[in-house]
Amino acid sequence: MIGRLRGILVSKQPPWLLVDVGGVGYDVEAPMSTIYDLPATGKEVTLLTHHAVKDDSVVLYGFLQTSERELFRSLLKVSGIGAKIALAVLSGVSTDEFARLVQAGDVTALTKIPGIGKKTAERMVVELRDRVDGLAVAGVTRIGGGEPAPQDAQSEAVIALQQLGYKPAEAARLAQKATAEGDDAETIIRKALRAALGG
């Protein structure tokens, strides 16, 4: 199992990252919460990883905080939740906010995250209420920093929003409404998600 990667960040195309570790390039899928805080391409990065092996694929998921990885793993244990929805949760709300919503049983707020219907939100509340207590403070190990520099920011944001579960037309609409002159992709995505989730 691969639990951590340290290498040079070669590219960022949300939600995908390419990290060069000793000449080997690793494709890593990451939530927007991690992508926001990555260093610029060409810089060294350390990611905590979750190594998923399925019948037809092997995928590495990367995180900057231990609490994010723990929440991701906890979400995967909830019936009906796969990696795509788990990444959407981490991209849409912070671990602190998610823990608060689950403990409050706020099903309505949880259903605003793409891919989560009422029944799934209810299952999350029931199955995760006892597990999220320590998540927000569990080893907040944030590694990284630096200024990201994506190109064609609005297009990147649209692609990332589609990867998070929004339909193409909805992703384009959200990105267009959220874009201001000079915004990079991460800023557009952050604003679009905040608007979509009613924040």
N, C-alpha and C. Protein backbone atom coordinates (compact mmCIF):
# COMPACT_ATOMS: atom_id res chain seq x y z
N MET A 1 0.84 -1.21 0.00
CA MET A 1 0.00 0.00 0.00
C MET A 1 0.88 1.25 0.00
N ILE A 2 0.46 2.25 -0.75
CA ILE A 2 1.19 3.53 -0.80
C ILE A 2 0.48 4.49 0.15
N GLY A 3 1.18 4.93 1.19
CA GLY A 3 0.56 5.79 2.19
C GLY A 3 0.96 7.25 2.10
N ARG A 4 2.09 7.51 1.36
CA ARG A 4 2.56 8.89 1.27
C ARG A 4 3.41 9.03 0.03
N LEU A 5 3.35 10.18 -0.59
CA LEU A 5 4.21 10.50 -1.74
C LEU A 5 4.91 11.82 -1.48
N ARG A 6 6.20 11.87 -1.79
CA ARG A 6 6.91 13.15 -1.74
C ARG A 6 7.68 13.28 -3.04
N GLY A 7 7.44 14.35 -3.76
CA GLY A 7 8.10 14.54 -5.03
C GLY A 7 7.81 15.91 -5.60
N ILE A 8 8.06 16.06 -6.89
CA ILE A 8 7.85 17.34 -7.56
C ILE A 8 6.47 17.36 -8.19
N LEU A 9 5.72 18.42 -7.92
CA LEU A 9 4.39 18.59 -8.52
C LEU A 9 4.58 19.00 -9.98
N VAL A 10 4.24 18.10 -10.89
CA VAL A 10 4.46 18.35 -12.32
C VAL A 10 3.29 19.10 -12.94
N SER A 11 2.06 18.68 -12.60
CA SER A 11 0.90 19.38 -13.17
C SER A 11 -0.30 19.26 -12.25
N LYS A 12 -1.22 20.25 -12.43
CA LYS A 12 -2.49 20.28 -11.69
C LYS A 12 -3.60 20.48 -12.71
N GLN A 13 -4.45 19.48 -12.88
CA GLN A 13 -5.63 19.60 -13.73
C GLN A 13 -6.79 19.03 -12.93
N PRO A 14 -7.35 19.86 -12.03
CA PRO A 14 -8.33 19.36 -11.07
C PRO A 14 -9.34 18.40 -11.71
N PRO A 15 -9.60 17.26 -11.04
CA PRO A 15 -9.07 16.87 -9.74
C PRO A 15 -7.77 16.07 -9.81
N TRP A 16 -7.09 16.06 -10.97
CA TRP A 16 -5.89 15.23 -11.13
C TRP A 16 -4.60 16.01 -10.92
N LEU A 17 -3.66 15.34 -10.27
CA LEU A 17 -2.31 15.87 -10.07
C LEU A 17 -1.33 14.86 -10.63
N LEU A 18 -0.18 15.35 -11.09
CA LEU A 18 0.90 14.45 -11.49
C LEU A 18 2.11 14.80 -10.63
N VAL A 19 2.59 13.80 -9.87
CA VAL A 19 3.72 14.00 -8.96
C VAL A 19 4.87 13.10 -9.39
N ASP A 20 6.02 13.71 -9.64
CA ASP A 20 7.22 12.97 -10.03
C ASP A 20 8.00 12.58 -8.78
N VAL A 21 8.08 11.27 -8.53
CA VAL A 21 8.81 10.74 -7.39
C VAL A 21 9.97 9.92 -7.91
N GLY A 22 11.17 10.49 -7.88
CA GLY A 22 12.36 9.77 -8.35
C GLY A 22 12.28 9.31 -9.79
N GLY A 23 11.65 10.13 -10.65
CA GLY A 23 11.57 9.78 -12.07
C GLY A 23 10.32 9.01 -12.45
N VAL A 24 9.50 8.63 -11.46
CA VAL A 24 8.24 7.93 -11.74
C VAL A 24 7.10 8.92 -11.52
N GLY A 25 6.25 9.06 -12.52
CA GLY A 25 5.12 9.99 -12.40
C GLY A 25 3.89 9.31 -11.87
N TYR A 26 3.36 9.79 -10.74
CA TYR A 26 2.15 9.24 -10.14
C TYR A 26 0.96 10.15 -10.44
N ASP A 27 -0.09 9.57 -11.03
CA ASP A 27 -1.36 10.28 -11.17
C ASP A 27 -2.09 10.17 -9.84
N VAL A 28 -2.50 11.30 -9.29
CA VAL A 28 -3.18 11.31 -7.99
C VAL A 28 -4.46 12.12 -8.13
N GLU A 29 -5.57 11.58 -7.64
CA GLU A 29 -6.83 12.32 -7.64
C GLU A 29 -6.98 12.96 -6.27
N ALA A 30 -7.34 14.25 -6.26
CA ALA A 30 -7.39 14.99 -4.99
C ALA A 30 -8.64 15.85 -4.91
N PRO A 31 -9.14 16.08 -3.69
CA PRO A 31 -10.27 17.00 -3.53
C PRO A 31 -9.80 18.44 -3.70
N MET A 32 -10.75 19.35 -3.95
CA MET A 32 -10.39 20.75 -4.13
C MET A 32 -9.78 21.34 -2.86
N SER A 33 -10.16 20.82 -1.69
CA SER A 33 -9.59 21.33 -0.44
C SER A 33 -8.07 21.17 -0.43
N THR A 34 -7.57 20.11 -1.05
CA THR A 34 -6.13 19.90 -1.16
C THR A 34 -5.54 20.75 -2.29
N ILE A 35 -6.24 20.77 -3.43
CA ILE A 35 -5.73 21.49 -4.60
C ILE A 35 -5.57 22.98 -4.31
N TYR A 36 -6.48 23.57 -3.51
CA TYR A 36 -6.38 24.99 -3.17
C TYR A 36 -5.03 25.32 -2.52
N ASP A 37 -4.50 24.39 -1.74
CA ASP A 37 -3.32 24.70 -0.92
C ASP A 37 -2.03 24.09 -1.43
N LEU A 38 -2.03 23.59 -2.65
CA LEU A 38 -0.81 23.02 -3.21
C LEU A 38 0.20 24.10 -3.56
N PRO A 39 1.50 23.76 -3.54
CA PRO A 39 2.49 24.71 -4.02
C PRO A 39 2.39 24.84 -5.55
N ALA A 40 3.13 25.76 -6.12
CA ALA A 40 3.15 25.92 -7.57
C ALA A 40 3.79 24.71 -8.22
N THR A 41 3.44 24.46 -9.49
CA THR A 41 4.07 23.35 -10.21
C THR A 41 5.57 23.59 -10.26
N GLY A 42 6.31 22.47 -10.21
CA GLY A 42 7.78 22.56 -10.18
C GLY A 42 8.33 22.56 -8.77
N LYS A 43 7.45 22.69 -7.77
CA LYS A 43 7.88 22.69 -6.37
C LYS A 43 7.68 21.30 -5.76
N GLU A 44 8.36 21.07 -4.63
CA GLU A 44 8.19 19.79 -3.93
C GLU A 44 6.88 19.77 -3.17
N VAL A 45 6.23 18.60 -3.15
CA VAL A 45 4.98 18.45 -2.43
C VAL A 45 4.99 17.09 -1.72
N THR A 46 4.36 17.04 -0.56
CA THR A 46 4.18 15.78 0.17
C THR A 46 2.69 15.56 0.34
N LEU A 47 2.21 14.41 -0.13
CA LEU A 47 0.79 14.08 -0.05
C LEU A 47 0.60 12.80 0.75
N LEU A 48 -0.39 12.81 1.64
CA LEU A 48 -0.84 11.58 2.28
C LEU A 48 -1.77 10.92 1.28
N THR A 49 -1.67 9.61 1.12
CA THR A 49 -2.45 8.97 0.06
C THR A 49 -3.34 7.85 0.57
N HIS A 50 -4.37 7.59 -0.21
CA HIS A 50 -5.23 6.42 -0.01
C HIS A 50 -5.12 5.63 -1.30
N HIS A 51 -4.67 4.39 -1.20
CA HIS A 51 -4.40 3.53 -2.35
C HIS A 51 -5.59 2.60 -2.53
N ALA A 52 -6.37 2.80 -3.61
CA ALA A 52 -7.57 1.99 -3.84
C ALA A 52 -7.34 1.03 -4.99
N VAL A 53 -7.52 -0.27 -4.72
CA VAL A 53 -7.36 -1.29 -5.74
C VAL A 53 -8.72 -1.92 -5.99
N LYS A 54 -9.19 -1.83 -7.26
CA LYS A 54 -10.47 -2.44 -7.63
C LYS A 54 -10.20 -3.47 -8.72
N ASP A 55 -11.26 -4.15 -9.15
CA ASP A 55 -11.11 -5.18 -10.18
C ASP A 55 -10.50 -4.61 -11.46
N ASP A 56 -10.93 -3.41 -11.83
CA ASP A 56 -10.51 -2.86 -13.12
C ASP A 56 -9.61 -1.63 -13.03
N SER A 57 -9.21 -1.23 -11.82
CA SER A 57 -8.37 -0.03 -11.72
C SER A 57 -7.61 0.05 -10.40
N VAL A 58 -6.54 0.84 -10.43
CA VAL A 58 -5.78 1.17 -9.23
C VAL A 58 -5.70 2.69 -9.20
N VAL A 59 -6.18 3.29 -8.11
CA VAL A 59 -6.23 4.76 -8.03
C VAL A 59 -5.57 5.23 -6.74
N LEU A 60 -4.81 6.31 -6.85
CA LEU A 60 -4.23 6.96 -5.67
C LEU A 60 -5.00 8.25 -5.43
N TYR A 61 -5.46 8.45 -4.20
CA TYR A 61 -6.11 9.70 -3.80
C TYR A 61 -5.15 10.43 -2.87
N GLY A 62 -4.99 11.74 -3.06
CA GLY A 62 -4.01 12.48 -2.28
C GLY A 62 -4.63 13.59 -1.43
N PHE A 63 -4.03 13.81 -0.26
CA PHE A 63 -4.54 14.79 0.70
C PHE A 63 -3.38 15.50 1.39
N LEU A 64 -3.59 16.76 1.75
CA LEU A 64 -2.58 17.50 2.49
C LEU A 64 -2.77 17.37 4.00
N GLN A 65 -3.98 17.03 4.45
CA GLN A 65 -4.25 16.93 5.89
C GLN A 65 -4.66 15.51 6.25
N THR A 66 -4.19 15.05 7.40
CA THR A 66 -4.59 13.73 7.87
C THR A 66 -6.10 13.68 8.12
N SER A 67 -6.69 14.79 8.57
CA SER A 67 -8.14 14.80 8.85
C SER A 67 -8.93 14.60 7.56
N GLU A 68 -8.42 15.13 6.43
CA GLU A 68 -9.11 14.93 5.15
C GLU A 68 -9.07 13.46 4.74
N ARG A 69 -7.92 12.84 4.90
CA ARG A 69 -7.81 11.44 4.52
C ARG A 69 -8.69 10.57 5.42
N GLU A 70 -8.73 10.89 6.71
CA GLU A 70 -9.57 10.12 7.63
C GLU A 70 -11.05 10.26 7.27
N LEU A 71 -11.47 11.49 6.93
CA LEU A 71 -12.87 11.68 6.55
C LEU A 71 -13.17 10.93 5.26
N PHE A 72 -12.26 10.99 4.29
CA PHE A 72 -12.43 10.27 3.02
C PHE A 72 -12.64 8.78 3.30
N ARG A 73 -11.79 8.21 4.14
CA ARG A 73 -11.89 6.78 4.46
C ARG A 73 -13.17 6.46 5.21
N SER A 74 -13.58 7.35 6.10
CA SER A 74 -14.83 7.14 6.84
C SER A 74 -16.03 7.16 5.89
N LEU A 75 -16.01 8.11 4.93
CA LEU A 75 -17.11 8.21 3.97
C LEU A 75 -17.23 6.95 3.12
N LEU A 76 -16.08 6.37 2.74
CA LEU A 76 -16.11 5.16 1.90
C LEU A 76 -16.77 3.99 2.62
N LYS A 77 -16.82 4.04 3.94
CA LYS A 77 -17.43 2.94 4.71
C LYS A 77 -18.95 3.06 4.78
N VAL A 78 -19.47 4.22 4.37
CA VAL A 78 -20.93 4.41 4.38
C VAL A 78 -21.51 3.75 3.13
N SER A 79 -22.53 2.92 3.30
CA SER A 79 -23.11 2.22 2.15
C SER A 79 -23.67 3.23 1.16
N GLY A 80 -23.37 3.00 -0.12
CA GLY A 80 -23.86 3.89 -1.18
C GLY A 80 -22.95 5.05 -1.50
N ILE A 81 -21.82 5.16 -0.78
CA ILE A 81 -20.88 6.26 -1.06
C ILE A 81 -19.58 5.70 -1.62
N GLY A 82 -19.22 6.20 -2.78
CA GLY A 82 -17.96 5.82 -3.42
C GLY A 82 -16.98 6.97 -3.37
N ALA A 83 -15.85 6.78 -4.02
CA ALA A 83 -14.79 7.79 -3.99
C ALA A 83 -15.24 9.13 -4.59
N LYS A 84 -16.05 9.08 -5.65
CA LYS A 84 -16.46 10.32 -6.32
C LYS A 84 -17.26 11.21 -5.36
N ILE A 85 -18.21 10.61 -4.64
CA ILE A 85 -19.01 11.39 -3.69
C ILE A 85 -18.15 11.84 -2.52
N ALA A 86 -17.25 10.97 -2.04
CA ALA A 86 -16.37 11.34 -0.93
C ALA A 86 -15.51 12.55 -1.30
N LEU A 87 -15.00 12.57 -2.54
CA LEU A 87 -14.21 13.72 -2.99
C LEU A 87 -15.09 14.97 -3.10
N ALA A 88 -16.33 14.79 -3.55
CA ALA A 88 -17.24 15.94 -3.65
C ALA A 88 -17.51 16.54 -2.27
N VAL A 89 -17.65 15.68 -1.26
CA VAL A 89 -17.86 16.17 0.11
C VAL A 89 -16.67 17.01 0.55
N LEU A 90 -15.46 16.47 0.37
CA LEU A 90 -14.25 17.18 0.80
C LEU A 90 -14.04 18.47 0.00
N SER A 91 -14.50 18.46 -1.26
CA SER A 91 -14.35 19.66 -2.09
C SER A 91 -15.38 20.73 -1.72
N GLY A 92 -16.53 20.29 -1.20
CA GLY A 92 -17.62 21.22 -0.92
C GLY A 92 -17.61 21.83 0.45
N VAL A 93 -17.12 21.07 1.46
CA VAL A 93 -17.12 21.59 2.83
C VAL A 93 -15.83 21.18 3.53
N SER A 94 -15.44 21.95 4.53
CA SER A 94 -14.25 21.60 5.31
C SER A 94 -14.58 20.43 6.23
N THR A 95 -13.55 19.77 6.75
CA THR A 95 -13.80 18.66 7.68
C THR A 95 -14.55 19.16 8.92
N ASP A 96 -14.19 20.36 9.39
CA ASP A 96 -14.88 20.95 10.55
C ASP A 96 -16.37 21.14 10.27
N GLU A 97 -16.66 21.72 9.10
CA GLU A 97 -18.05 22.01 8.74
C GLU A 97 -18.83 20.71 8.55
N PHE A 98 -18.20 19.72 7.91
CA PHE A 98 -18.88 18.44 7.69
C PHE A 98 -19.22 17.80 9.04
N ALA A 99 -18.25 17.80 9.96
CA ALA A 99 -18.49 17.23 11.29
C ALA A 99 -19.66 17.94 11.97
N ARG A 100 -19.72 19.27 11.82
CA ARG A 100 -20.80 20.04 12.44
C ARG A 100 -22.16 19.66 11.83
N LEU A 101 -22.21 19.54 10.48
CA LEU A 101 -23.46 19.19 9.81
C LEU A 101 -23.96 17.81 10.21
N VAL A 102 -23.02 16.86 10.31
CA VAL A 102 -23.40 15.49 10.68
C VAL A 102 -23.89 15.45 12.12
N GLN A 103 -23.16 16.10 13.02
CA GLN A 103 -23.56 16.09 14.42
C GLN A 103 -24.90 16.80 14.64
N ALA A 104 -25.16 17.82 13.81
CA ALA A 104 -26.44 18.54 13.91
C ALA A 104 -27.56 17.80 13.18
N GLY A 105 -27.20 16.75 12.41
CA GLY A 105 -28.20 16.03 11.63
C GLY A 105 -28.80 16.88 10.53
N ASP A 106 -28.01 17.80 9.96
CA ASP A 106 -28.51 18.75 8.95
C ASP A 106 -28.54 18.09 7.57
N VAL A 107 -29.56 17.26 7.35
CA VAL A 107 -29.71 16.51 6.10
C VAL A 107 -29.88 17.46 4.92
N THR A 108 -30.61 18.55 5.11
CA THR A 108 -30.87 19.50 4.02
C THR A 108 -29.56 20.08 3.48
N ALA A 109 -28.66 20.50 4.36
CA ALA A 109 -27.38 21.06 3.91
C ALA A 109 -26.54 20.00 3.22
N LEU A 110 -26.55 18.77 3.74
CA LEU A 110 -25.75 17.70 3.14
C LEU A 110 -26.23 17.35 1.73
N THR A 111 -27.54 17.47 1.47
CA THR A 111 -28.05 17.13 0.14
C THR A 111 -27.68 18.17 -0.92
N LYS A 112 -27.12 19.31 -0.51
CA LYS A 112 -26.67 20.31 -1.48
C LYS A 112 -25.33 19.91 -2.12
N ILE A 113 -24.66 18.92 -1.54
CA ILE A 113 -23.41 18.42 -2.12
C ILE A 113 -23.78 17.50 -3.28
N PRO A 114 -23.14 17.68 -4.47
CA PRO A 114 -23.54 16.87 -5.63
C PRO A 114 -23.40 15.38 -5.36
N GLY A 115 -24.41 14.62 -5.81
CA GLY A 115 -24.37 13.18 -5.67
C GLY A 115 -25.00 12.66 -4.38
N ILE A 116 -25.37 13.56 -3.47
CA ILE A 116 -25.93 13.13 -2.19
C ILE A 116 -27.43 13.44 -2.15
N GLY A 117 -28.21 12.38 -2.13
CA GLY A 117 -29.66 12.51 -1.99
C GLY A 117 -30.04 12.44 -0.52
N LYS A 118 -31.34 12.52 -0.26
CA LYS A 118 -31.81 12.55 1.12
C LYS A 118 -31.45 11.27 1.88
N LYS A 119 -31.65 10.11 1.24
CA LYS A 119 -31.38 8.84 1.92
C LYS A 119 -29.89 8.69 2.25
N THR A 120 -29.04 9.09 1.29
CA THR A 120 -27.59 9.00 1.53
C THR A 120 -27.19 9.94 2.66
N ALA A 121 -27.74 11.15 2.65
CA ALA A 121 -27.44 12.12 3.72
C ALA A 121 -27.87 11.56 5.08
N GLU A 122 -29.03 10.93 5.11
CA GLU A 122 -29.51 10.35 6.37
C GLU A 122 -28.60 9.23 6.84
N ARG A 123 -28.13 8.39 5.90
CA ARG A 123 -27.20 7.31 6.25
C ARG A 123 -25.90 7.88 6.79
N MET A 124 -25.42 8.97 6.16
CA MET A 124 -24.18 9.60 6.62
C MET A 124 -24.32 10.07 8.07
N VAL A 125 -25.46 10.69 8.37
CA VAL A 125 -25.68 11.19 9.73
C VAL A 125 -25.67 10.04 10.72
N VAL A 126 -26.40 8.97 10.39
CA VAL A 126 -26.51 7.82 11.30
C VAL A 126 -25.16 7.12 11.47
N GLU A 127 -24.48 6.85 10.33
CA GLU A 127 -23.26 6.04 10.38
C GLU A 127 -22.01 6.81 10.80
N LEU A 128 -22.01 8.13 10.60
CA LEU A 128 -20.78 8.90 10.87
C LEU A 128 -20.85 9.76 12.13
N ARG A 129 -22.01 9.88 12.72
CA ARG A 129 -22.15 10.80 13.86
C ARG A 129 -21.11 10.52 14.95
N ASP A 130 -20.89 9.24 15.26
CA ASP A 130 -19.91 8.91 16.31
C ASP A 130 -18.47 9.00 15.84
N ARG A 131 -18.27 8.93 14.52
CA ARG A 131 -16.90 8.90 14.00
C ARG A 131 -16.30 10.28 13.74
N VAL A 132 -17.15 11.29 13.56
CA VAL A 132 -16.63 12.61 13.16
C VAL A 132 -16.18 13.47 14.33
N ASP A 133 -16.43 13.00 15.56
CA ASP A 133 -16.06 13.80 16.74
C ASP A 133 -14.63 14.32 16.69
N GLY A 134 -13.68 13.41 16.47
CA GLY A 134 -12.28 13.82 16.52
C GLY A 134 -11.70 14.23 15.19
N LEU A 135 -12.52 14.18 14.13
CA LEU A 135 -11.98 14.44 12.79
C LEU A 135 -11.41 15.83 12.61
N ALA A 136 -12.15 16.81 13.08
CA ALA A 136 -11.74 18.19 12.82
C ALA A 136 -10.39 18.50 13.42
N VAL A 137 -10.07 17.85 14.55
CA VAL A 137 -8.80 18.15 15.21
C VAL A 137 -7.78 17.03 15.03
N ALA A 138 -8.19 15.94 14.38
CA ALA A 138 -7.27 14.80 14.23
C ALA A 138 -6.11 15.16 13.35
N GLY A 139 -4.98 15.37 13.94
CA GLY A 139 -3.75 15.62 13.21
C GLY A 139 -3.93 16.54 12.03
N VAL A 140 -4.09 17.80 12.28
CA VAL A 140 -4.22 18.72 11.16
C VAL A 140 -2.83 18.98 10.60
N THR A 141 -2.40 18.04 9.77
CA THR A 141 -1.06 18.11 9.19
C THR A 141 -1.20 18.69 7.80
N ARG A 142 -0.99 19.95 7.66
CA ARG A 142 -1.10 20.57 6.35
C ARG A 142 0.31 20.81 5.81
N ILE A 143 0.54 20.25 4.64
CA ILE A 143 1.86 20.37 4.03
C ILE A 143 1.67 21.11 2.73
N GLY A 144 2.48 22.06 2.42
CA GLY A 144 2.31 22.71 1.12
C GLY A 144 2.43 24.21 1.24
N GLY A 145 1.56 24.92 0.54
CA GLY A 145 1.64 26.37 0.46
C GLY A 145 2.13 26.75 -0.92
N GLY A 146 2.20 28.03 -1.19
CA GLY A 146 2.67 28.45 -2.50
C GLY A 146 1.50 28.92 -3.35
N GLU A 147 1.82 29.52 -4.47
CA GLU A 147 0.78 30.09 -5.32
C GLU A 147 0.56 29.24 -6.57
N PRO A 148 -0.66 28.69 -6.75
CA PRO A 148 -0.95 27.94 -7.96
C PRO A 148 -1.06 28.87 -9.16
N ALA A 149 -0.73 28.36 -10.34
CA ALA A 149 -0.79 29.20 -11.53
C ALA A 149 -1.39 28.44 -12.72
N PRO A 150 -2.71 28.16 -12.67
CA PRO A 150 -3.33 27.44 -13.78
C PRO A 150 -3.54 28.34 -14.99
N GLN A 151 -3.83 27.70 -16.15
CA GLN A 151 -4.11 28.46 -17.36
C GLN A 151 -5.56 28.22 -17.75
N ASP A 152 -6.15 29.17 -18.49
CA ASP A 152 -7.53 29.06 -18.93
C ASP A 152 -8.43 28.70 -17.75
N ALA A 153 -8.46 29.59 -16.79
CA ALA A 153 -9.03 29.30 -15.48
C ALA A 153 -10.50 28.86 -15.53
N GLN A 154 -11.32 29.54 -16.33
CA GLN A 154 -12.75 29.19 -16.32
C GLN A 154 -12.97 27.79 -16.88
N SER A 155 -12.25 27.41 -17.95
CA SER A 155 -12.38 26.07 -18.53
C SER A 155 -11.95 25.01 -17.53
N GLU A 156 -10.84 25.28 -16.83
CA GLU A 156 -10.37 24.33 -15.80
C GLU A 156 -11.42 24.17 -14.71
N ALA A 157 -12.03 25.28 -14.32
CA ALA A 157 -13.05 25.24 -13.28
C ALA A 157 -14.25 24.42 -13.72
N VAL A 158 -14.67 24.59 -14.97
CA VAL A 158 -15.82 23.84 -15.50
C VAL A 158 -15.53 22.34 -15.46
N ILE A 159 -14.33 21.94 -15.91
CA ILE A 159 -13.94 20.53 -15.91
C ILE A 159 -13.94 19.98 -14.48
N ALA A 160 -13.36 20.74 -13.56
CA ALA A 160 -13.29 20.29 -12.17
C ALA A 160 -14.68 20.13 -11.57
N LEU A 161 -15.58 21.06 -11.86
CA LEU A 161 -16.95 20.98 -11.33
C LEU A 161 -17.69 19.75 -11.90
N GLN A 162 -17.42 19.43 -13.17
CA GLN A 162 -18.02 18.22 -13.76
C GLN A 162 -17.48 16.98 -13.06
N GLN A 163 -16.17 16.99 -12.75
CA GLN A 163 -15.57 15.85 -12.06
C GLN A 163 -16.19 15.67 -10.67
N LEU A 164 -16.66 16.77 -10.10
CA LEU A 164 -17.28 16.71 -8.77
C LEU A 164 -18.74 16.30 -8.81
N GLY A 165 -19.27 16.07 -10.03
CA GLY A 165 -20.63 15.54 -10.13
C GLY A 165 -21.66 16.49 -10.73
N TYR A 166 -21.26 17.72 -11.07
CA TYR A 166 -22.21 18.63 -11.69
C TYR A 166 -22.33 18.32 -13.17
N LYS A 167 -23.56 18.45 -13.71
CA LYS A 167 -23.77 18.24 -15.14
C LYS A 167 -23.05 19.36 -15.90
N PRO A 168 -22.62 19.08 -17.16
CA PRO A 168 -21.85 20.08 -17.92
C PRO A 168 -22.47 21.47 -17.96
N ALA A 169 -23.78 21.54 -18.24
CA ALA A 169 -24.43 22.86 -18.33
C ALA A 169 -24.42 23.58 -16.98
N GLU A 170 -24.67 22.82 -15.91
CA GLU A 170 -24.68 23.41 -14.56
C GLU A 170 -23.27 23.86 -14.17
N ALA A 171 -22.27 23.05 -14.51
CA ALA A 171 -20.88 23.39 -14.20
C ALA A 171 -20.48 24.67 -14.92
N ALA A 172 -20.86 24.77 -16.19
CA ALA A 172 -20.53 25.97 -16.97
C ALA A 172 -21.22 27.20 -16.39
N ARG A 173 -22.50 27.04 -16.00
CA ARG A 173 -23.26 28.16 -15.44
C ARG A 173 -22.64 28.63 -14.12
N LEU A 174 -22.31 27.67 -13.25
CA LEU A 174 -21.72 28.02 -11.96
C LEU A 174 -20.38 28.73 -12.14
N ALA A 175 -19.54 28.19 -13.04
CA ALA A 175 -18.22 28.78 -13.26
C ALA A 175 -18.33 30.18 -13.84
N GLN A 176 -19.26 30.35 -14.80
CA GLN A 176 -19.42 31.66 -15.43
C GLN A 176 -19.86 32.71 -14.42
N LYS A 177 -20.83 32.34 -13.56
CA LYS A 177 -21.33 33.28 -12.55
C LYS A 177 -20.26 33.63 -11.52
N ALA A 178 -19.37 32.66 -11.26
CA ALA A 178 -18.37 32.86 -10.20
C ALA A 178 -17.11 33.57 -10.68
N THR A 179 -16.93 33.67 -12.00
CA THR A 179 -15.67 34.19 -12.54
C THR A 179 -15.63 35.72 -12.51
N ALA A 180 -14.55 36.22 -11.93
CA ALA A 180 -14.28 37.66 -11.99
C ALA A 180 -12.92 37.83 -12.66
N GLU A 181 -12.66 38.98 -13.22
CA GLU A 181 -11.41 39.21 -13.94
C GLU A 181 -10.20 38.93 -13.04
N GLY A 182 -9.27 38.16 -13.55
CA GLY A 182 -8.05 37.88 -12.80
C GLY A 182 -8.13 36.66 -11.88
N ASP A 183 -9.33 36.04 -11.78
CA ASP A 183 -9.47 34.85 -10.93
C ASP A 183 -8.73 33.66 -11.52
N ASP A 184 -8.09 32.86 -10.65
CA ASP A 184 -7.54 31.60 -11.12
C ASP A 184 -8.60 30.51 -10.95
N ALA A 185 -8.31 29.30 -11.46
CA ALA A 185 -9.31 28.23 -11.44
C ALA A 185 -9.76 27.89 -10.03
N GLU A 186 -8.81 27.83 -9.10
CA GLU A 186 -9.17 27.46 -7.72
C GLU A 186 -10.13 28.47 -7.10
N THR A 187 -9.90 29.75 -7.38
CA THR A 187 -10.78 30.80 -6.85
C THR A 187 -12.19 30.66 -7.43
N ILE A 188 -12.26 30.41 -8.75
CA ILE A 188 -13.56 30.25 -9.41
C ILE A 188 -14.30 29.05 -8.82
N ILE A 189 -13.58 27.93 -8.66
CA ILE A 189 -14.21 26.71 -8.13
C ILE A 189 -14.71 26.95 -6.72
N ARG A 190 -13.87 27.57 -5.91
CA ARG A 190 -14.24 27.84 -4.52
C ARG A 190 -15.52 28.69 -4.46
N LYS A 191 -15.57 29.77 -5.29
CA LYS A 191 -16.74 30.64 -5.29
C LYS A 191 -17.97 29.92 -5.83
N ALA A 192 -17.77 29.10 -6.86
CA ALA A 192 -18.89 28.36 -7.47
C ALA A 192 -19.47 27.36 -6.47
N LEU A 193 -18.59 26.65 -5.75
CA LEU A 193 -19.06 25.68 -4.77
C LEU A 193 -19.79 26.36 -3.61
N ARG A 194 -19.24 27.50 -3.19
CA ARG A 194 -19.87 28.23 -2.10
C ARG A 194 -21.28 28.67 -2.51
N ALA A 195 -21.41 29.16 -3.75
CA ALA A 195 -22.72 29.60 -4.25
C ALA A 195 -23.68 28.42 -4.38
N ALA A 196 -23.17 27.29 -4.91
CA ALA A 196 -24.01 26.11 -5.12
C ALA A 196 -24.49 25.52 -3.80
N LEU A 197 -23.65 25.61 -2.78
CA LEU A 197 -24.00 25.03 -1.48
C LEU A 197 -24.69 26.04 -0.57
N GLY A 198 -24.97 27.21 -1.14
CA GLY A 198 -25.72 28.21 -0.40
C GLY A 198 -24.92 28.91 0.67
N GLY A 199 -23.56 28.94 0.50
CA GLY A 199 -22.71 29.55 1.51
C GLY A 199 -22.35 30.97 1.17
